[in-house]
Amino acid sequence: GILLMGIVSGAIYTSVRVNNDMTSGIIDRFHSMPIARSSI
């Protein structure tokens, strides 16, 4: 149970990082570059 709690706690920051990218405008900057969208 503790191992799973640690994984959930670590996974929270994926939502935070993704949300920061979406709301800060960096996603638009990435899309203007010649990179695959899936890589983000």
PDB file of all heavy atoms in Angstrom:
ATOM      1  N   GLY A   1       0.815  -1.214   0.000  1.00  0.00           N
ATOM      2  CA  GLY A   1       0.000   0.000   0.000  1.00  0.00           C
ATOM      3  C   GLY A   1       0.843   1.255   0.000  1.00  0.00           C
ATOM      4  O   GLY A   1       0.504   2.249  -0.676  1.00  0.00           O
ATOM      5  N   ILE A   2       1.943   1.256   0.737  1.00  0.00           N
ATOM      6  CA  ILE A   2       2.832   2.423   0.779  1.00  0.00           C
ATOM      7  C   ILE A   2       3.476   2.661  -0.584  1.00  0.00           C
ATOM      8  O   ILE A   2       3.615   3.803  -1.038  1.00  0.00           O
ATOM      9  CB  ILE A   2       3.908   2.239   1.862  1.00  0.00           C
ATOM     10  CG1 ILE A   2       3.261   2.191   3.251  1.00  0.00           C
ATOM     11  CG2 ILE A   2       4.943   3.351   1.784  1.00  0.00           C
ATOM     12  CD1 ILE A   2       2.566   3.462   3.672  1.00  0.00           C
ATOM     13  N   LEU A   3       3.872   1.581  -1.262  1.00  0.00           N
ATOM     14  CA  LEU A   3       4.458   1.725  -2.602  1.00  0.00           C
ATOM     15  C   LEU A   3       3.459   2.367  -3.556  1.00  0.00           C
ATOM     16  O   LEU A   3       3.808   3.260  -4.348  1.00  0.00           O
ATOM     17  CB  LEU A   3       4.904   0.361  -3.134  1.00  0.00           C
ATOM     18  CG  LEU A   3       6.076  -0.311  -2.425  1.00  0.00           C
ATOM     19  CD1 LEU A   3       6.360  -1.674  -3.054  1.00  0.00           C
ATOM     20  CD2 LEU A   3       7.323   0.559  -2.459  1.00  0.00           C
ATOM     21  N   LEU A   4       2.198   1.933  -3.483  1.00  0.00           N
ATOM     22  CA  LEU A   4       1.173   2.514  -4.362  1.00  0.00           C
ATOM     23  C   LEU A   4       0.907   3.967  -3.999  1.00  0.00           C
ATOM     24  O   LEU A   4       0.689   4.809  -4.883  1.00  0.00           O
ATOM     25  CB  LEU A   4      -0.123   1.704  -4.258  1.00  0.00           C
ATOM     26  CG  LEU A   4      -0.059   0.237  -4.673  1.00  0.00           C
ATOM     27  CD1 LEU A   4      -1.453  -0.370  -4.692  1.00  0.00           C
ATOM     28  CD2 LEU A   4       0.606   0.064  -6.027  1.00  0.00           C
ATOM     29  N   MET A   5       0.926   4.284  -2.714  1.00  0.00           N
ATOM     30  CA  MET A   5       0.741   5.670  -2.296  1.00  0.00           C
ATOM     31  C   MET A   5       1.842   6.559  -2.862  1.00  0.00           C
ATOM     32  O   MET A   5       1.592   7.691  -3.312  1.00  0.00           O
ATOM     33  CB  MET A   5       0.723   5.762  -0.772  1.00  0.00           C
ATOM     34  CG  MET A   5       0.504   7.172  -0.241  1.00  0.00           C
ATOM     35  SD  MET A   5       0.483   7.236   1.564  1.00  0.00           S
ATOM     36  CE  MET A   5      -1.090   6.422   1.876  1.00  0.00           C
ATOM     37  N   GLY A   6       3.084   6.049  -2.840  1.00  0.00           N
ATOM     38  CA  GLY A   6       4.194   6.808  -3.402  1.00  0.00           C
ATOM     39  C   GLY A   6       4.027   7.051  -4.894  1.00  0.00           C
ATOM     40  O   GLY A   6       4.322   8.136  -5.402  1.00  0.00           O
ATOM     41  N   ILE A   7       3.540   6.039  -5.611  1.00  0.00           N
ATOM     42  CA  ILE A   7       3.334   6.185  -7.056  1.00  0.00           C
ATOM     43  C   ILE A   7       2.246   7.211  -7.342  1.00  0.00           C
ATOM     44  O   ILE A   7       2.388   8.054  -8.239  1.00  0.00           O
ATOM     45  CB  ILE A   7       2.986   4.819  -7.678  1.00  0.00           C
ATOM     46  CG1 ILE A   7       4.214   3.896  -7.635  1.00  0.00           C
ATOM     47  CG2 ILE A   7       2.506   4.986  -9.125  1.00  0.00           C
ATOM     48  CD1 ILE A   7       3.926   2.461  -8.037  1.00  0.00           C
ATOM     49  N   VAL A   8       1.155   7.157  -6.581  1.00  0.00           N
ATOM     50  CA  VAL A   8       0.083   8.148  -6.760  1.00  0.00           C
ATOM     51  C   VAL A   8       0.613   9.556  -6.467  1.00  0.00           C
ATOM     52  O   VAL A   8       0.338  10.499  -7.217  1.00  0.00           O
ATOM     53  CB  VAL A   8      -1.116   7.825  -5.844  1.00  0.00           C
ATOM     54  CG1 VAL A   8      -2.155   8.949  -5.907  1.00  0.00           C
ATOM     55  CG2 VAL A   8      -1.754   6.508  -6.256  1.00  0.00           C
ATOM     56  N   SER A   9       1.389   9.692  -5.401  1.00  0.00           N
ATOM     57  CA  SER A   9       1.943  10.996  -5.048  1.00  0.00           C
ATOM     58  C   SER A   9       2.853  11.533  -6.151  1.00  0.00           C
ATOM     59  O   SER A   9       2.840  12.730  -6.451  1.00  0.00           O
ATOM     60  CB  SER A   9       2.732  10.891  -3.729  1.00  0.00           C
ATOM     61  OG  SER A   9       1.906  10.464  -2.678  1.00  0.00           O
ATOM     62  N   GLY A  10       3.639  10.656  -6.758  1.00  0.00           N
ATOM     63  CA  GLY A  10       4.505  11.086  -7.849  1.00  0.00           C
ATOM     64  C   GLY A  10       3.741  11.415  -9.107  1.00  0.00           C
ATOM     65  O   GLY A  10       4.091  12.353  -9.847  1.00  0.00           O
ATOM     66  N   ALA A  11       2.661  10.657  -9.364  1.00  0.00           N
ATOM     67  CA  ALA A  11       1.878  10.877 -10.581  1.00  0.00           C
ATOM     68  C   ALA A  11       1.133  12.201 -10.565  1.00  0.00           C
ATOM     69  O   ALA A  11       0.818  12.759 -11.619  1.00  0.00           O
ATOM     70  CB  ALA A  11       0.884   9.732 -10.780  1.00  0.00           C
ATOM     71  N   ILE A  12       0.843  12.724  -9.363  1.00  0.00           N
ATOM     72  CA  ILE A  12       0.148  14.006  -9.258  1.00  0.00           C
ATOM     73  C   ILE A  12       0.860  15.078 -10.075  1.00  0.00           C
ATOM     74  O   ILE A  12       0.229  15.920 -10.724  1.00  0.00           O
ATOM     75  CB  ILE A  12       0.062  14.452  -7.787  1.00  0.00           C
ATOM     76  CG1 ILE A  12      -0.832  13.512  -6.984  1.00  0.00           C
ATOM     77  CG2 ILE A  12      -0.448  15.887  -7.667  1.00  0.00           C
ATOM     78  CD1 ILE A  12      -0.793  13.772  -5.495  1.00  0.00           C
ATOM     79  N   TYR A  13       2.185  15.040 -10.071  1.00  0.00           N
ATOM     80  CA  TYR A  13       2.945  16.099 -10.705  1.00  0.00           C
ATOM     81  C   TYR A  13       2.902  16.036 -12.226  1.00  0.00           C
ATOM     82  O   TYR A  13       3.249  17.006 -12.899  1.00  0.00           O
ATOM     83  CB  TYR A  13       4.380  16.112 -10.171  1.00  0.00           C
ATOM     84  CG  TYR A  13       4.413  16.679  -8.776  1.00  0.00           C
ATOM     85  CD1 TYR A  13       4.325  15.853  -7.669  1.00  0.00           C
ATOM     86  CD2 TYR A  13       4.442  18.052  -8.570  1.00  0.00           C
ATOM     87  CE1 TYR A  13       4.301  16.368  -6.388  1.00  0.00           C
ATOM     88  CE2 TYR A  13       4.421  18.580  -7.301  1.00  0.00           C
ATOM     89  CZ  TYR A  13       4.351  17.740  -6.215  1.00  0.00           C
ATOM     90  OH  TYR A  13       4.305  18.265  -4.947  1.00  0.00           O
ATOM     91  N   THR A  14       2.475  14.903 -12.772  1.00  0.00           N
ATOM     92  CA  THR A  14       2.235  14.867 -14.216  1.00  0.00           C
ATOM     93  C   THR A  14       1.093  15.803 -14.561  1.00  0.00           C
ATOM     94  O   THR A  14       1.167  16.566 -15.541  1.00  0.00           O
ATOM     95  CB  THR A  14       1.893  13.437 -14.677  1.00  0.00           C
ATOM     96  OG1 THR A  14       2.971  12.567 -14.350  1.00  0.00           O
ATOM     97  CG2 THR A  14       1.652  13.396 -16.180  1.00  0.00           C
ATOM     98  N   SER A  15       0.016  15.773 -13.782  1.00  0.00           N
ATOM     99  CA  SER A  15      -1.117  16.669 -14.041  1.00  0.00           C
ATOM    100  C   SER A  15      -0.699  18.125 -13.871  1.00  0.00           C
ATOM    101  O   SER A  15      -1.125  18.992 -14.645  1.00  0.00           O
ATOM    102  CB  SER A  15      -2.289  16.337 -13.108  1.00  0.00           C
ATOM    103  OG  SER A  15      -1.963  16.598 -11.768  1.00  0.00           O
ATOM    104  N   VAL A  16       0.142  18.399 -12.880  1.00  0.00           N
ATOM    105  CA  VAL A  16       0.595  19.768 -12.648  1.00  0.00           C
ATOM    106  C   VAL A  16       1.453  20.253 -13.815  1.00  0.00           C
ATOM    107  O   VAL A  16       1.268  21.370 -14.326  1.00  0.00           O
ATOM    108  CB  VAL A  16       1.378  19.853 -11.324  1.00  0.00           C
ATOM    109  CG1 VAL A  16       2.010  21.235 -11.148  1.00  0.00           C
ATOM    110  CG2 VAL A  16       0.455  19.540 -10.142  1.00  0.00           C
ATOM    111  N   ARG A  17       2.389  19.412 -14.261  1.00  0.00           N
ATOM    112  CA  ARG A  17       3.270  19.818 -15.364  1.00  0.00           C
ATOM    113  C   ARG A  17       2.496  19.996 -16.663  1.00  0.00           C
ATOM    114  O   ARG A  17       2.729  20.953 -17.414  1.00  0.00           O
ATOM    115  CB  ARG A  17       4.383  18.777 -15.538  1.00  0.00           C
ATOM    116  CG  ARG A  17       5.413  18.757 -14.419  1.00  0.00           C
ATOM    117  CD  ARG A  17       6.598  17.880 -14.776  1.00  0.00           C
ATOM    118  NE  ARG A  17       6.208  16.493 -14.973  1.00  0.00           N
ATOM    119  CZ  ARG A  17       6.214  15.569 -14.024  1.00  0.00           C
ATOM    120  NH1 ARG A  17       6.575  15.888 -12.793  1.00  0.00           N
ATOM    121  NH2 ARG A  17       5.871  14.325 -14.276  1.00  0.00           N
ATOM    122  N   VAL A  18       1.589  19.065 -16.942  1.00  0.00           N
ATOM    123  CA  VAL A  18       0.791  19.171 -18.161  1.00  0.00           C
ATOM    124  C   VAL A  18      -0.074  20.431 -18.122  1.00  0.00           C
ATOM    125  O   VAL A  18      -0.184  21.169 -19.118  1.00  0.00           O
ATOM    126  CB  VAL A  18      -0.089  17.918 -18.348  1.00  0.00           C
ATOM    127  CG1 VAL A  18      -1.115  18.128 -19.454  1.00  0.00           C
ATOM    128  CG2 VAL A  18       0.780  16.705 -18.664  1.00  0.00           C
ATOM    129  N   ASN A  19      -0.690  20.678 -16.969  1.00  0.00           N
ATOM    130  CA  ASN A  19      -1.529  21.868 -16.841  1.00  0.00           C
ATOM    131  C   ASN A  19      -0.718  23.150 -16.991  1.00  0.00           C
ATOM    132  O   ASN A  19      -1.175  24.113 -17.627  1.00  0.00           O
ATOM    133  CB  ASN A  19      -2.248  21.847 -15.492  1.00  0.00           C
ATOM    134  CG  ASN A  19      -3.248  22.974 -15.360  1.00  0.00           C
ATOM    135  OD1 ASN A  19      -2.946  24.023 -14.787  1.00  0.00           O
ATOM    136  ND2 ASN A  19      -4.438  22.782 -15.900  1.00  0.00           N
ATOM    137  N   ASN A  20       0.479  23.177 -16.420  1.00  0.00           N
ATOM    138  CA  ASN A  20       1.342  24.348 -16.584  1.00  0.00           C
ATOM    139  C   ASN A  20       1.675  24.589 -18.048  1.00  0.00           C
ATOM    140  O   ASN A  20       1.679  25.733 -18.521  1.00  0.00           O
ATOM    141  CB  ASN A  20       2.633  24.169 -15.776  1.00  0.00           C
ATOM    142  CG  ASN A  20       2.461  24.503 -14.313  1.00  0.00           C
ATOM    143  OD1 ASN A  20       1.608  25.308 -13.942  1.00  0.00           O
ATOM    144  ND2 ASN A  20       3.268  23.887 -13.459  1.00  0.00           N
ATOM    145  N   ASP A  21       1.975  23.531 -18.778  1.00  0.00           N
ATOM    146  CA  ASP A  21       2.273  23.670 -20.199  1.00  0.00           C
ATOM    147  C   ASP A  21       1.068  24.201 -20.974  1.00  0.00           C
ATOM    148  O   ASP A  21       1.204  25.046 -21.869  1.00  0.00           O
ATOM    149  CB  ASP A  21       2.706  22.325 -20.790  1.00  0.00           C
ATOM    150  CG  ASP A  21       4.145  21.965 -20.432  1.00  0.00           C
ATOM    151  OD1 ASP A  21       4.827  22.809 -19.825  1.00  0.00           O
ATOM    152  OD2 ASP A  21       4.568  20.843 -20.759  1.00  0.00           O
ATOM    153  N   MET A  22      -0.125  23.704 -20.614  1.00  0.00           N
ATOM    154  CA  MET A  22      -1.330  24.106 -21.336  1.00  0.00           C
ATOM    155  C   MET A  22      -1.722  25.551 -21.041  1.00  0.00           C
ATOM    156  O   MET A  22      -2.195  26.268 -21.927  1.00  0.00           O
ATOM    157  CB  MET A  22      -2.492  23.173 -20.970  1.00  0.00           C
ATOM    158  CG  MET A  22      -2.312  21.737 -21.412  1.00  0.00           C
ATOM    159  SD  MET A  22      -2.207  21.533 -23.204  1.00  0.00           S
ATOM    160  CE  MET A  22      -3.853  22.046 -23.693  1.00  0.00           C
ATOM    161  N   THR A  23      -1.550  25.985 -19.808  1.00  0.00           N
ATOM    162  CA  THR A  23      -2.023  27.321 -19.422  1.00  0.00           C
ATOM    163  C   THR A  23      -0.969  28.408 -19.583  1.00  0.00           C
ATOM    164  O   THR A  23      -1.305  29.599 -19.605  1.00  0.00           O
ATOM    165  CB  THR A  23      -2.499  27.307 -17.954  1.00  0.00           C
ATOM    166  OG1 THR A  23      -1.434  26.847 -17.101  1.00  0.00           O
ATOM    167  CG2 THR A  23      -3.704  26.397 -17.792  1.00  0.00           C
ATOM    168  N   SER A  24       0.307  28.027 -19.714  1.00  0.00           N
ATOM    169  CA  SER A  24       1.365  29.035 -19.832  1.00  0.00           C
ATOM    170  C   SER A  24       1.637  29.454 -21.271  1.00  0.00           C
ATOM    171  O   SER A  24       2.350  30.426 -21.511  1.00  0.00           O
ATOM    172  CB  SER A  24       2.659  28.496 -19.218  1.00  0.00           C
ATOM    173  OG  SER A  24       3.157  27.402 -19.981  1.00  0.00           O
ATOM    174  N   GLY A  25       1.093  28.701 -22.228  1.00  0.00           N
ATOM    175  CA  GLY A  25       1.310  29.033 -23.633  1.00  0.00           C
ATOM    176  C   GLY A  25       2.495  28.335 -24.264  1.00  0.00           C
ATOM    177  O   GLY A  25       2.737  28.482 -25.463  1.00  0.00           O
ATOM    178  N   ILE A  26       3.245  27.542 -23.477  1.00  0.00           N
ATOM    179  CA  ILE A  26       4.430  26.872 -24.016  1.00  0.00           C
ATOM    180  C   ILE A  26       4.053  25.833 -25.064  1.00  0.00           C
ATOM    181  O   ILE A  26       4.837  25.553 -25.988  1.00  0.00           O
ATOM    182  CB  ILE A  26       5.255  26.221 -22.875  1.00  0.00           C
ATOM    183  CG1 ILE A  26       6.637  25.781 -23.374  1.00  0.00           C
ATOM    184  CG2 ILE A  26       4.501  25.033 -22.282  1.00  0.00           C
ATOM    185  CD1 ILE A  26       7.528  26.908 -23.761  1.00  0.00           C
ATOM    186  N   ILE A  27       2.831  25.265 -24.952  1.00  0.00           N
ATOM    187  CA  ILE A  27       2.381  24.287 -25.944  1.00  0.00           C
ATOM    188  C   ILE A  27       2.334  24.929 -27.334  1.00  0.00           C
ATOM    189  O   ILE A  27       2.754  24.317 -28.332  1.00  0.00           O
ATOM    190  CB  ILE A  27       0.996  23.729 -25.564  1.00  0.00           C
ATOM    191  CG1 ILE A  27       1.100  22.820 -24.340  1.00  0.00           C
ATOM    192  CG2 ILE A  27       0.384  22.954 -26.738  1.00  0.00           C
ATOM    193  CD1 ILE A  27       1.785  21.505 -24.575  1.00  0.00           C
ATOM    194  N   ASP A  28       1.824  26.152 -27.418  1.00  0.00           N
ATOM    195  CA  ASP A  28       1.778  26.847 -28.706  1.00  0.00           C
ATOM    196  C   ASP A  28       3.182  27.069 -29.253  1.00  0.00           C
ATOM    197  O   ASP A  28       3.410  26.983 -30.463  1.00  0.00           O
ATOM    198  CB  ASP A  28       1.050  28.187 -28.560  1.00  0.00           C
ATOM    199  CG  ASP A  28      -0.411  28.015 -28.178  1.00  0.00           C
ATOM    200  OD1 ASP A  28      -0.992  26.982 -28.576  1.00  0.00           O
ATOM    201  OD2 ASP A  28      -0.958  28.888 -27.486  1.00  0.00           O
ATOM    202  N   ARG A  29       4.111  27.355 -28.357  1.00  0.00           N
ATOM    203  CA  ARG A  29       5.507  27.535 -28.779  1.00  0.00           C
ATOM    204  C   ARG A  29       6.070  26.231 -29.335  1.00  0.00           C
ATOM    205  O   ARG A  29       6.754  26.229 -30.367  1.00  0.00           O
ATOM    206  CB  ARG A  29       6.323  27.999 -27.572  1.00  0.00           C
ATOM    207  CG  ARG A  29       7.802  28.238 -27.863  1.00  0.00           C
ATOM    208  CD  ARG A  29       8.027  29.520 -28.632  1.00  0.00           C
ATOM    209  NE  ARG A  29       9.440  29.759 -28.834  1.00  0.00           N
ATOM    210  CZ  ARG A  29      10.207  30.419 -27.965  1.00  0.00           C
ATOM    211  NH1 ARG A  29       9.691  30.876 -26.841  1.00  0.00           N
ATOM    212  NH2 ARG A  29      11.477  30.628 -28.233  1.00  0.00           N
ATOM    213  N   PHE A  30       5.774  25.132 -28.670  1.00  0.00           N
ATOM    214  CA  PHE A  30       6.239  23.831 -29.146  1.00  0.00           C
ATOM    215  C   PHE A  30       5.639  23.512 -30.520  1.00  0.00           C
ATOM    216  O   PHE A  30       6.319  22.962 -31.391  1.00  0.00           O
ATOM    217  CB  PHE A  30       5.858  22.731 -28.155  1.00  0.00           C
ATOM    218  CG  PHE A  30       6.716  22.696 -26.923  1.00  0.00           C
ATOM    219  CD1 PHE A  30       6.182  22.297 -25.704  1.00  0.00           C
ATOM    220  CD2 PHE A  30       8.046  23.045 -26.970  1.00  0.00           C
ATOM    221  CE1 PHE A  30       6.961  22.251 -24.568  1.00  0.00           C
ATOM    222  CE2 PHE A  30       8.846  23.012 -25.838  1.00  0.00           C
ATOM    223  CZ  PHE A  30       8.298  22.617 -24.629  1.00  0.00           C
ATOM    224  N   HIS A  31       4.365  23.836 -30.684  1.00  0.00           N
ATOM    225  CA  HIS A  31       3.700  23.509 -31.952  1.00  0.00           C
ATOM    226  C   HIS A  31       4.226  24.336 -33.123  1.00  0.00           C
ATOM    227  O   HIS A  31       4.025  23.962 -34.278  1.00  0.00           O
ATOM    228  CB  HIS A  31       2.188  23.699 -31.810  1.00  0.00           C
ATOM    229  CG  HIS A  31       1.537  22.645 -30.985  1.00  0.00           C
ATOM    230  ND1 HIS A  31       0.217  22.691 -30.603  1.00  0.00           N
ATOM    231  CD2 HIS A  31       2.027  21.492 -30.454  1.00  0.00           C
ATOM    232  CE1 HIS A  31      -0.083  21.631 -29.876  1.00  0.00           C
ATOM    233  NE2 HIS A  31       1.006  20.888 -29.773  1.00  0.00           N
ATOM    234  N   SER A  32       4.864  25.435 -32.814  1.00  0.00           N
ATOM    235  CA  SER A  32       5.455  26.237 -33.885  1.00  0.00           C
ATOM    236  C   SER A  32       6.818  25.701 -34.307  1.00  0.00           C
ATOM    237  O   SER A  32       7.409  26.170 -35.276  1.00  0.00           O
ATOM    238  CB  SER A  32       5.607  27.696 -33.423  1.00  0.00           C
ATOM    239  OG  SER A  32       6.579  27.797 -32.389  1.00  0.00           O
ATOM    240  N   MET A  33       7.287  24.691 -33.577  1.00  0.00           N
ATOM    241  CA  MET A  33       8.586  24.098 -33.871  1.00  0.00           C
ATOM    242  C   MET A  33       8.392  22.775 -34.609  1.00  0.00           C
ATOM    243  O   MET A  33       7.336  22.139 -34.499  1.00  0.00           O
ATOM    244  CB  MET A  33       9.354  23.868 -32.563  1.00  0.00           C
ATOM    245  CG  MET A  33       9.593  25.128 -31.756  1.00  0.00           C
ATOM    246  SD  MET A  33      10.155  24.792 -30.065  1.00  0.00           S
ATOM    247  CE  MET A  33      11.771  24.089 -30.389  1.00  0.00           C
ATOM    248  N   PRO A  34       9.390  22.348 -35.367  1.00  0.00           N
ATOM    249  CA  PRO A  34       9.263  21.095 -36.141  1.00  0.00           C
ATOM    250  C   PRO A  34       9.469  19.848 -35.287  1.00  0.00           C
ATOM    251  O   PRO A  34      10.427  19.095 -35.463  1.00  0.00           O
ATOM    252  CB  PRO A  34      10.365  21.238 -37.199  1.00  0.00           C
ATOM    253  CG  PRO A  34      11.417  22.058 -36.534  1.00  0.00           C
ATOM    254  CD  PRO A  34      10.669  23.035 -35.661  1.00  0.00           C
ATOM    255  N   ILE A  35       8.549  19.643 -34.319  1.00  0.00           N
ATOM    256  CA  ILE A  35       8.625  18.451 -33.480  1.00  0.00           C
ATOM    257  C   ILE A  35       7.283  17.735 -33.509  1.00  0.00           C
ATOM    258  O   ILE A  35       6.249  18.354 -33.784  1.00  0.00           O
ATOM    259  CB  ILE A  35       8.994  18.798 -32.020  1.00  0.00           C
ATOM    260  CG1 ILE A  35       7.912  19.694 -31.391  1.00  0.00           C
ATOM    261  CG2 ILE A  35      10.351  19.449 -31.937  1.00  0.00           C
ATOM    262  CD1 ILE A  35       8.134  19.953 -29.917  1.00  0.00           C
ATOM    263  N   ALA A  36       7.308  16.444 -33.252  1.00  0.00           N
ATOM    264  CA  ALA A  36       6.074  15.661 -33.227  1.00  0.00           C
ATOM    265  C   ALA A  36       5.242  16.048 -32.011  1.00  0.00           C
ATOM    266  O   ALA A  36       5.754  16.133 -30.898  1.00  0.00           O
ATOM    267  CB  ALA A  36       6.407  14.174 -33.191  1.00  0.00           C
ATOM    268  N   ARG A  37       3.938  16.285 -32.223  1.00  0.00           N
ATOM    269  CA  ARG A  37       3.072  16.664 -31.110  1.00  0.00           C
ATOM    270  C   ARG A  37       3.009  15.571 -30.049  1.00  0.00           C
ATOM    271  O   ARG A  37       2.898  15.855 -28.863  1.00  0.00           O
ATOM    272  CB  ARG A  37       1.659  16.968 -31.625  1.00  0.00           C
ATOM    273  CG  ARG A  37       1.576  18.220 -32.476  1.00  0.00           C
ATOM    274  CD  ARG A  37       0.139  18.606 -32.717  1.00  0.00           C
ATOM    275  NE  ARG A  37       0.051  19.867 -33.441  1.00  0.00           N
ATOM    276  CZ  ARG A  37      -1.071  20.568 -33.560  1.00  0.00           C
ATOM    277  NH1 ARG A  37      -2.189  20.115 -33.019  1.00  0.00           N
ATOM    278  NH2 ARG A  37      -1.080  21.714 -34.220  1.00  0.00           N
ATOM    279  N   SER A  38       3.063  14.318 -30.485  1.00  0.00           N
ATOM    280  CA  SER A  38       2.961  13.204 -29.543  1.00  0.00           C
ATOM    281  C   SER A  38       4.120  13.184 -28.556  1.00  0.00           C
ATOM    282  O   SER A  38       3.987  12.676 -27.437  1.00  0.00           O
ATOM    283  CB  SER A  38       2.913  11.884 -30.304  1.00  0.00           C
ATOM    284  OG  SER A  38       4.087  11.710 -31.079  1.00  0.00           O
ATOM    285  N   SER A  39       5.270  13.745 -28.950  1.00  0.00           N
ATOM    286  CA  SER A  39       6.443  13.702 -28.080  1.00  0.00           C
ATOM    287  C   SER A  39       6.269  14.561 -26.829  1.00  0.00           C
ATOM    288  O   SER A  39       6.939  14.333 -25.820  1.00  0.00           O
ATOM    289  CB  SER A  39       7.692  14.146 -28.842  1.00  0.00           C
ATOM    290  OG  SER A  39       7.556  15.479 -29.299  1.00  0.00           O
ATOM    291  N   ILE A  40       5.352  15.527 -26.871  1.00  0.00           N
ATOM    292  CA  ILE A  40       5.142  16.400 -25.712  1.00  0.00           C
ATOM    293  C   ILE A  40       4.516  15.613 -24.560  1.00  0.00           C
ATOM    294  O   ILE A  40       5.027  15.604 -23.441  1.00  0.00           O
ATOM    295  CB  ILE A  40       4.257  17.602 -26.102  1.00  0.00           C
ATOM    296  CG1 ILE A  40       4.940  18.426 -27.203  1.00  0.00           C
ATOM    297  CG2 ILE A  40       3.977  18.482 -24.883  1.00  0.00           C
ATOM    298  CD1 ILE A  40       4.064  19.501 -27.808  1.00  0.00           C
TER     299      ILE A  40
END
